[in-house]
Protein backbone atom coordinates (compact mmCIF):
# COMPACT_ATOMS: atom_id res chain seq x y z
CA MET A 1 4.97 -14.41 -14.76
CA LYS A 2 4.01 -12.90 -11.43
CA ARG A 3 2.20 -9.57 -11.15
CA ALA A 4 1.48 -7.15 -8.31
CA VAL A 5 -0.60 -3.99 -8.02
CA ILE A 6 -0.07 -1.28 -5.42
CA LEU A 7 -3.22 0.84 -5.57
CA ILE A 8 -3.08 4.11 -3.64
CA LEU A 9 -6.34 5.74 -2.57
CA ASP A 10 -4.70 9.15 -2.15
CA GLY A 11 -5.51 10.68 1.23
CA VAL A 12 -7.70 7.84 2.55
CA GLY A 13 -6.28 7.48 6.07
CA ILE A 14 -7.81 5.38 8.83
CA GLY A 15 -6.97 7.17 12.08
CA GLU A 16 -4.36 9.41 13.58
CA ALA A 17 -0.79 8.15 13.79
CA PRO A 18 0.83 8.00 17.24
CA ASP A 19 2.73 11.23 16.51
CA ALA A 20 -0.21 13.06 14.87
CA ALA A 21 -0.27 15.80 17.51
CA ALA A 22 3.28 16.82 16.59
CA TYR A 23 1.97 17.53 13.08
CA GLY A 24 -1.11 19.40 14.28
CA ASP A 25 -3.36 16.49 13.32
CA ALA A 26 -4.72 15.22 16.63
CA GLY A 27 -8.24 13.89 16.00
CA SER A 28 -7.79 13.35 12.28
CA ASP A 29 -9.46 10.12 11.17
CA THR A 30 -10.36 10.28 7.51
CA LEU A 31 -12.42 7.09 7.12
CA GLY A 32 -13.80 7.14 10.65
CA ASN A 33 -14.90 10.75 10.56
CA VAL A 34 -16.36 10.49 7.06
CA ALA A 35 -18.32 7.42 8.21
CA ARG A 36 -19.74 9.31 11.18
CA ALA A 37 -20.49 12.45 9.16
CA CYS A 38 -22.36 10.48 6.48
CA GLY A 39 -24.36 8.34 8.88
CA GLY A 40 -22.36 5.22 8.06
CA LEU A 41 -20.50 3.89 5.04
CA ASP A 42 -22.25 1.81 2.39
CA LEU A 43 -19.26 0.12 0.76
CA PRO A 44 -20.26 -3.53 0.36
CA ARG A 45 -17.36 -4.62 -1.86
CA LEU A 46 -14.69 -3.07 0.33
CA GLU A 47 -16.48 -4.51 3.35
CA ARG A 48 -16.32 -7.96 1.74
CA PHE A 49 -12.63 -7.37 0.99
CA GLY A 50 -12.02 -6.79 4.71
CA LEU A 51 -12.19 -3.04 5.30
CA GLY A 52 -14.63 -3.43 8.20
CA ASN A 53 -12.29 -5.96 9.83
CA ILE A 54 -9.53 -3.40 10.28
CA ARG A 55 -11.42 -1.46 12.97
CA PRO A 56 -15.00 -0.46 13.72
CA LEU A 57 -16.32 1.92 11.06
CA ASP A 58 -19.91 3.12 11.09
CA GLY A 59 -21.94 1.22 8.51
CA LEU A 60 -19.39 -1.57 7.91
CA GLU A 61 -19.53 -5.05 9.40
CA ARG A 62 -16.69 -7.27 10.44
CA ARG A 63 -16.80 -10.15 7.97
CA GLY A 64 -15.85 -13.67 8.94
CA ASP A 65 -15.81 -14.49 5.22
CA ALA A 66 -13.53 -11.63 4.17
CA ALA A 67 -12.10 -12.13 0.69
CA GLY A 68 -8.73 -10.58 1.48
CA ALA A 69 -6.22 -9.91 4.23
CA TRP A 70 -6.38 -6.70 6.23
CA GLY A 71 -4.35 -4.50 8.53
CA THR A 72 -2.94 -0.99 8.90
CA MET A 73 0.41 0.69 8.35
CA ARG A 74 1.77 3.57 10.38
CA PRO A 75 4.07 6.22 8.88
CA ALA A 76 7.68 6.01 10.02
CA SER A 77 9.13 8.56 7.60
CA ALA A 78 9.10 12.26 8.45
CA GLY A 79 6.38 14.29 6.75
CA LYS A 80 2.83 13.68 5.59
CA ASP A 81 2.78 14.43 1.88
CA SER A 82 2.35 12.23 -1.18
CA THR A 83 6.06 12.11 -1.96
CA ALA A 84 7.01 10.96 1.54
CA GLY A 85 4.20 8.38 1.56
CA HIS A 86 5.00 6.85 -1.81
CA TRP A 87 8.74 6.82 -1.09
CA GLU A 88 8.14 5.08 2.23
CA ILE A 89 6.04 2.41 0.53
CA ALA A 90 8.96 1.92 -1.87
CA GLY A 91 11.42 1.51 1.01
CA VAL A 92 12.89 5.01 1.54
CA HIS A 93 12.44 7.02 4.74
CA LEU A 94 12.90 10.76 5.16
CA GLU A 95 14.83 11.86 8.23
CA ARG A 96 13.33 15.36 8.16
CA PRO A 97 10.12 16.70 6.64
CA PHE A 98 10.34 18.68 3.44
CA PRO A 99 10.32 22.45 4.17
CA THR A 100 7.09 24.42 4.07
CA PHE A 101 6.61 28.16 3.61
CA PRO A 102 3.67 29.44 5.67
CA ASN A 103 4.49 33.06 4.77
CA GLY A 104 5.28 32.49 1.11
CA PHE A 105 8.72 32.03 -0.41
CA PRO A 106 11.71 34.24 0.45
CA ARG A 107 12.29 37.20 -1.85
CA GLU A 108 15.55 35.76 -3.17
CA VAL A 109 13.75 32.58 -4.30
CA ILE A 110 11.08 34.54 -6.17
CA GLU A 111 13.63 36.88 -7.75
CA SER A 112 15.77 33.94 -8.89
CA PHE A 113 12.72 32.25 -10.42
CA ALA A 114 11.71 35.44 -12.23
CA ARG A 115 15.21 35.89 -13.65
CA GLY A 116 15.43 32.28 -14.73
CA THR A 117 12.08 32.28 -16.54
CA GLY A 118 12.04 35.84 -17.91
CA ARG A 119 8.63 36.62 -16.39
CA GLY A 120 7.52 38.42 -13.27
CA VAL A 121 5.67 36.82 -10.36
CA SER A 122 2.25 37.55 -8.92
CA GLY A 123 0.91 36.12 -5.71
CA ASN A 124 3.59 34.35 -3.69
CA VAL A 125 0.86 33.58 -1.20
CA VAL A 126 -0.41 30.62 0.80
CA GLY A 127 -3.86 29.47 -0.20
CA SER A 128 -6.23 27.21 -2.06
CA GLY A 129 -5.41 27.00 -5.75
CA THR A 130 -8.91 27.79 -6.92
CA ASP A 131 -9.04 30.92 -4.77
CA VAL A 132 -5.54 32.02 -5.76
CA ILE A 133 -6.36 31.64 -9.46
CA ASP A 134 -9.54 33.67 -9.07
CA ARG A 135 -7.58 36.40 -7.29
CA TYR A 136 -4.66 36.70 -9.71
CA ALA A 137 -5.87 35.49 -13.12
CA GLU A 138 -6.71 38.96 -14.42
CA GLU A 139 -3.37 40.30 -13.22
CA GLN A 140 -1.69 37.49 -15.16
CA ARG A 141 -3.65 38.39 -18.28
CA ALA A 142 -2.54 42.01 -17.97
CA THR A 143 1.12 41.41 -17.06
CA GLY A 144 2.09 37.94 -18.27
CA ASN A 145 3.37 37.15 -14.75
CA TRP A 146 3.44 33.68 -13.25
CA ILE A 147 1.05 33.02 -10.38
CA VAL A 148 3.11 31.40 -7.63
CA TYR A 149 1.61 30.02 -4.45
CA THR A 150 2.07 27.33 -1.81
CA SER A 151 0.06 25.59 0.91
CA ALA A 152 0.68 23.80 4.18
CA ASP A 153 2.33 21.11 2.05
CA SER A 154 5.86 21.36 0.71
CA VAL A 155 4.97 22.62 -2.77
CA PHE A 156 5.99 25.40 -5.16
CA GLN A 157 2.91 25.77 -7.36
CA ILE A 158 2.89 27.71 -10.62
CA ALA A 159 -0.46 28.58 -12.16
CA ALA A 160 -0.88 29.83 -15.71
CA ASP A 161 -3.82 30.49 -18.01
CA GLU A 162 -3.26 28.24 -21.02
CA ALA A 163 -4.44 31.09 -23.27
CA VAL A 164 -1.76 33.42 -21.85
CA ILE A 165 1.27 31.18 -21.33
CA PRO A 166 1.76 28.04 -23.46
CA LEU A 167 1.89 24.72 -21.63
CA ALA A 168 5.40 24.02 -22.89
CA GLU A 169 6.63 27.25 -21.29
CA LEU A 170 4.83 26.44 -18.03
CA TYR A 171 6.45 23.01 -17.90
CA ARG A 172 9.85 24.52 -18.66
CA ALA A 173 9.35 27.03 -15.82
CA CYS A 174 8.64 24.13 -13.48
CA GLU A 175 11.87 22.46 -14.54
CA ILE A 176 13.76 25.69 -13.85
CA ALA A 177 12.15 25.99 -10.41
CA ARG A 178 12.90 22.34 -9.61
CA ALA A 179 16.58 22.82 -10.47
CA MET A 180 16.95 25.99 -8.40
CA LEU A 181 15.10 24.87 -5.24
CA LYS A 182 18.06 23.58 -3.26
CA PRO A 183 18.34 23.18 0.54
CA PRO A 184 17.01 24.85 2.63
CA HIS A 185 14.33 25.55 0.01
CA ASP A 186 14.17 21.99 -1.35
CA VAL A 187 10.39 21.61 -1.56
CA SER A 188 8.98 18.16 -2.16
CA ARG A 189 7.21 19.08 -5.39
CA VAL A 190 6.99 21.81 -7.99
CA ILE A 191 3.51 21.64 -9.52
CA ALA A 192 2.30 23.03 -12.84
CA ARG A 193 -1.27 24.29 -12.36
CA PRO A 194 -2.67 25.27 -15.77
CA PHE A 195 -6.18 26.67 -15.96
CA ALA A 196 -8.63 28.08 -18.48
CA GLY A 197 -11.86 30.04 -18.56
CA THR A 198 -13.16 33.52 -17.96
CA PRO A 199 -13.49 35.75 -14.86
CA GLY A 200 -15.72 34.04 -12.31
CA SER A 201 -15.50 30.66 -14.04
CA TYR A 202 -11.82 29.69 -14.17
CA LYS A 203 -11.21 25.94 -14.01
CA ARG A 204 -8.03 23.94 -13.68
CA THR A 205 -7.35 21.82 -16.74
CA ALA A 206 -6.22 18.20 -16.81
CA ASN A 207 -2.65 19.21 -17.76
CA ARG A 208 -1.22 19.32 -14.24
CA ARG A 209 2.33 18.02 -13.87
CA ASP A 210 4.31 17.32 -10.68
CA TYR A 211 8.09 17.68 -10.50
CA SER A 212 9.38 15.84 -7.46
CA ILE A 213 12.79 15.82 -5.91
CA GLU A 214 14.62 12.53 -6.56
CA PRO A 215 14.53 9.80 -3.88
CA PRO A 216 17.78 9.87 -1.87
CA GLY A 217 18.22 6.09 -1.87
CA GLU A 218 17.38 2.88 -3.70
CA THR A 219 13.66 2.26 -4.07
CA LEU A 220 11.57 -0.80 -4.82
CA LEU A 221 11.23 0.54 -8.36
CA ASP A 222 15.00 0.77 -8.77
CA ALA A 223 15.39 -2.81 -7.54
CA LEU A 224 12.74 -4.05 -9.96
CA ALA A 225 14.44 -2.16 -12.79
CA LYS A 226 17.80 -3.80 -12.01
CA ALA A 227 16.08 -7.19 -12.16
CA GLU A 228 14.45 -6.21 -15.48
CA ILE A 229 10.97 -6.69 -14.03
CA PRO A 230 8.43 -4.45 -15.82
CA ARG A 231 7.06 -1.43 -13.99
CA ALA A 232 4.10 0.72 -14.97
CA GLY A 233 2.22 3.55 -13.33
CA VAL A 234 -1.25 5.02 -13.41
CA GLY A 235 -1.66 8.58 -12.19
CA LYS A 236 1.08 10.83 -10.82
CA VAL A 237 3.35 8.05 -9.54
CA ASP A 238 6.20 8.69 -11.99
CA ASP A 239 6.20 12.38 -11.05
CA LEU A 240 6.59 11.49 -7.36
CA PHE A 241 9.70 9.43 -8.16
CA ALA A 242 11.09 12.09 -10.52
CA GLY A 243 10.57 9.67 -13.40
CA ARG A 244 13.15 7.26 -12.01
CA SER A 245 12.56 3.59 -12.85
CA ILE A 246 8.90 4.08 -13.80
CA SER A 247 6.69 5.81 -16.34
CA SER A 248 2.99 6.47 -15.83
CA LYS A 249 -0.19 6.94 -17.74
CA HIS A 250 -1.45 10.26 -16.39
CA THR A 251 -5.14 10.52 -15.64
CA ALA A 252 -7.67 13.31 -15.18
CA SER A 253 -9.97 11.51 -12.72
CA ASN A 254 -10.42 8.42 -10.59
CA ALA A 255 -12.67 6.98 -13.29
CA GLU A 256 -9.91 7.32 -15.87
CA GLY A 257 -7.42 5.86 -13.41
CA ILE A 258 -9.64 2.85 -12.78
CA ARG A 259 -9.88 2.28 -16.54
CA GLY A 260 -6.07 2.38 -16.72
CA ILE A 261 -5.76 -0.19 -13.92
CA LYS A 262 -8.21 -2.54 -15.64
CA GLU A 263 -6.41 -2.11 -18.96
CA TRP A 264 -3.08 -3.07 -17.38
CA LEU A 265 -4.61 -6.10 -15.65
CA SER A 266 -6.13 -7.19 -18.96
CA THR A 267 -2.92 -6.88 -20.99
CA ALA A 268 0.26 -7.00 -18.87
CA GLU A 269 1.98 -10.36 -18.70
CA SER A 270 4.09 -9.65 -15.62
CA GLY A 271 5.49 -6.93 -13.40
CA LEU A 272 4.32 -4.21 -11.02
CA LEU A 273 1.59 -1.64 -11.48
CA PHE A 274 1.85 1.32 -9.08
CA ALA A 275 -1.37 3.33 -9.32
CA ASN A 276 -2.62 6.50 -7.63
CA LEU A 277 -6.28 7.59 -7.55
CA VAL A 278 -6.04 11.24 -6.56
CA ASP A 279 -9.63 12.55 -6.51
CA PHE A 280 -10.11 11.72 -2.81
CA ASP A 281 -7.28 14.09 -1.93
CA GLN A 282 -7.23 16.68 -4.70
CA LEU A 283 -10.93 17.28 -5.24
CA PHE A 284 -12.47 16.50 -1.87
CA GLY A 285 -10.04 16.29 1.05
CA HIS A 286 -8.36 19.60 0.28
CA ARG A 287 -11.77 21.25 -0.15
CA ASN A 288 -13.41 19.78 2.97
CA ASP A 289 -16.04 18.19 0.76
CA VAL A 290 -17.33 15.29 2.87
CA ALA A 291 -20.12 14.31 0.48
CA GLY A 292 -17.73 14.34 -2.49
CA PHE A 293 -15.18 12.25 -0.59
CA TYR A 294 -17.81 9.65 0.26
CA GLY A 295 -19.03 9.70 -3.32
CA ALA A 296 -15.50 8.90 -4.53
CA LEU A 297 -15.32 5.99 -2.07
CA ARG A 298 -18.60 4.63 -3.42
CA GLU A 299 -17.39 5.03 -6.99
CA PHE A 300 -14.29 3.00 -6.20
CA ASP A 301 -16.31 0.42 -4.28
CA ALA A 302 -18.60 -0.08 -7.29
CA ALA A 303 -15.56 -0.55 -9.57
CA LEU A 304 -13.72 -2.99 -7.30
CA PRO A 305 -15.26 -6.22 -8.72
CA SER A 306 -14.22 -5.22 -12.24
CA ILE A 307 -10.65 -4.95 -10.91
CA THR A 308 -10.54 -8.13 -8.84
CA SER A 309 -12.18 -10.19 -11.60
CA ARG A 310 -9.11 -9.53 -13.76
CA LEU A 311 -6.67 -11.01 -11.22
CA LYS A 312 -4.82 -14.17 -12.25
CA GLU A 313 -3.45 -16.93 -10.04
CA ASP A 314 -0.05 -15.31 -9.55
CA ASP A 315 -1.35 -11.79 -8.87
CA LEU A 316 -1.36 -9.75 -5.68
CA LEU A 317 -3.49 -6.64 -5.25
CA PHE A 318 -2.73 -4.20 -2.44
CA ILE A 319 -5.11 -1.33 -1.64
CA THR A 320 -3.71 1.33 0.66
CA ALA A 321 -3.03 5.08 0.97
CA ASP A 322 -0.14 7.51 1.29
CA HIS A 323 -1.45 9.75 4.11
CA GLY A 324 -4.77 11.06 5.41
CA ASN A 325 -6.79 14.06 4.30
CA ASP A 326 -9.76 14.30 6.65
CA PRO A 327 -12.44 16.49 5.04
CA THR A 328 -14.32 16.86 8.35
CA THR A 329 -11.59 18.82 10.16
CA PRO A 330 -10.98 22.59 9.86
CA SER A 331 -7.69 21.85 8.09
CA THR A 332 -7.67 21.58 4.30
CA ASP A 333 -4.32 19.82 4.26
CA HIS A 334 -2.88 16.34 4.60
CA ALA A 335 -3.11 14.55 7.93
CA ARG A 336 -0.58 12.34 9.72
CA GLU A 337 -2.56 9.11 9.82
CA ARG A 338 -2.30 5.37 9.68
CA VAL A 339 -3.37 3.96 6.33
CA PRO A 340 -5.48 0.89 5.56
CA LEU A 341 -3.83 -2.23 4.17
CA LEU A 342 -5.99 -4.58 2.12
CA ALA A 343 -4.48 -7.46 0.15
CA GLY A 344 -6.22 -9.77 -2.28
CA GLY A 345 -5.50 -12.47 -4.82
CA MET A 346 -6.22 -16.13 -5.46
CA ARG A 347 -3.34 -17.23 -3.22
CA VAL A 348 -4.02 -14.76 -0.38
CA VAL A 349 -5.02 -16.18 2.99
CA PRO A 350 -7.75 -14.01 4.58
CA ARG A 351 -6.27 -12.96 7.91
CA ASP A 352 -5.37 -10.02 10.13
CA LEU A 353 -1.96 -8.65 9.20
CA GLY A 354 -1.96 -6.38 12.25
CA GLU A 355 -0.41 -2.94 12.35
CA ARG A 356 2.77 -2.67 10.35
CA GLN A 357 5.35 -0.30 11.83
CA THR A 358 6.14 1.31 8.48
CA PHE A 359 4.64 1.65 5.02
CA SER A 360 7.92 0.10 3.81
CA ASP A 361 6.70 -3.36 4.81
CA LEU A 362 4.49 -3.24 1.72
CA GLY A 363 7.39 -2.56 -0.65
CA ALA A 364 9.45 -5.28 1.05
CA THR A 365 6.58 -7.74 0.52
CA VAL A 366 6.27 -6.89 -3.16
CA ALA A 367 10.03 -7.36 -3.61
CA ASP A 368 9.79 -10.72 -1.85
CA TRP A 369 6.91 -11.73 -4.16
CA PHE A 370 9.17 -11.11 -7.15
CA GLY A 371 12.06 -13.01 -5.59
CA LEU A 372 14.26 -9.95 -4.96
CA SER A 373 16.58 -9.47 -1.99
CA PHE A 374 15.58 -5.78 -1.70
CA ARG A 375 13.73 -4.88 1.52
CA GLY A 376 14.43 -1.15 1.87
CA ARG A 377 13.42 -0.03 5.35
CA GLY A 378 10.71 -2.67 5.67
CA LYS A 379 10.05 -6.29 6.59
CA SER A 380 8.19 -8.61 4.24
CA PHE A 381 4.92 -10.17 5.41
CA LEU A 382 4.66 -12.41 2.35
CA SER A 383 4.91 -15.61 4.42
CA GLU A 384 1.84 -14.49 6.38
CA LEU A 385 -0.08 -13.55 3.26
CA VAL A 386 0.02 -16.33 0.68
CA VAL A 387 -0.18 -20.09 0.52
């Protein structure tokens, strides 16, 4: 009747990875830079859990009475997006980053998409989604075209006013795009970006969907499925694994995601919960909103006791991230960073887990907890973690 929770604070990195410069991310340090920019972090519950023990962070103390184990994980897989990060946690490494399109998509890609969906295309630009929607929404109203755009990440994003193009048609267009985007145009994710409103006040709705490429090898989730161990998700996790071996409760905010985590802990008898809280990344990191990012950290910190109080004797809780997204740097995109590793539970021994050489060590440890032989590309640290 064992349970485990992998809780992803999306984009909450803790310092540049050794190869950060190769990704244009030298100096990125999401937690460290946010701490300095805000005059220190006031996160007493995370501090008590062991966050301040990982490394010096302004405002946090190193606790000799830490409630959990602590460490860091460095990325070993190529890339720095959510798909690569979640896959690596689940044991799969990418040998090459997913392709990006800094000048927009090739004409043949756009023409193929237009033919396949029966609508024209506006945009095909690189930019922030909110800006792109403001620029092209009226053109979409007049023409019925899709708004297509990308970013520094490997994404094919399709925006549509819900009053102009029905959600079902938008989702179908994403499925068409996902099927046609083959190498060398095999982007990590196709993303449905529905919005609503009027000129000057357009807002994205909560009906976003992500359509990921399938993992190229066996994942922790696949191994759990073969062993008939229950798996559940909160947030976009199922989208990142192309729906393979997991289904998720999609959420519109961190607050809703936290409620979903607490609900699972209160009702599930056994199995794995894989949860993603995306506001850090989506709302604040990508918009260089330092105050908003810190506010989301404080919101999670305040909620942490209501999560840990629901843990049973045979539960493990892991708090980590999938990449960085430093809101203090000029970049508005993901950063190649180490991620924090916090582990808690009644059987956890508070100790320094050191720096793991790959995110995959986490997935290997979860598999070991459930008695599986699966290790993916990682090494279990379970023997160091529990009594």
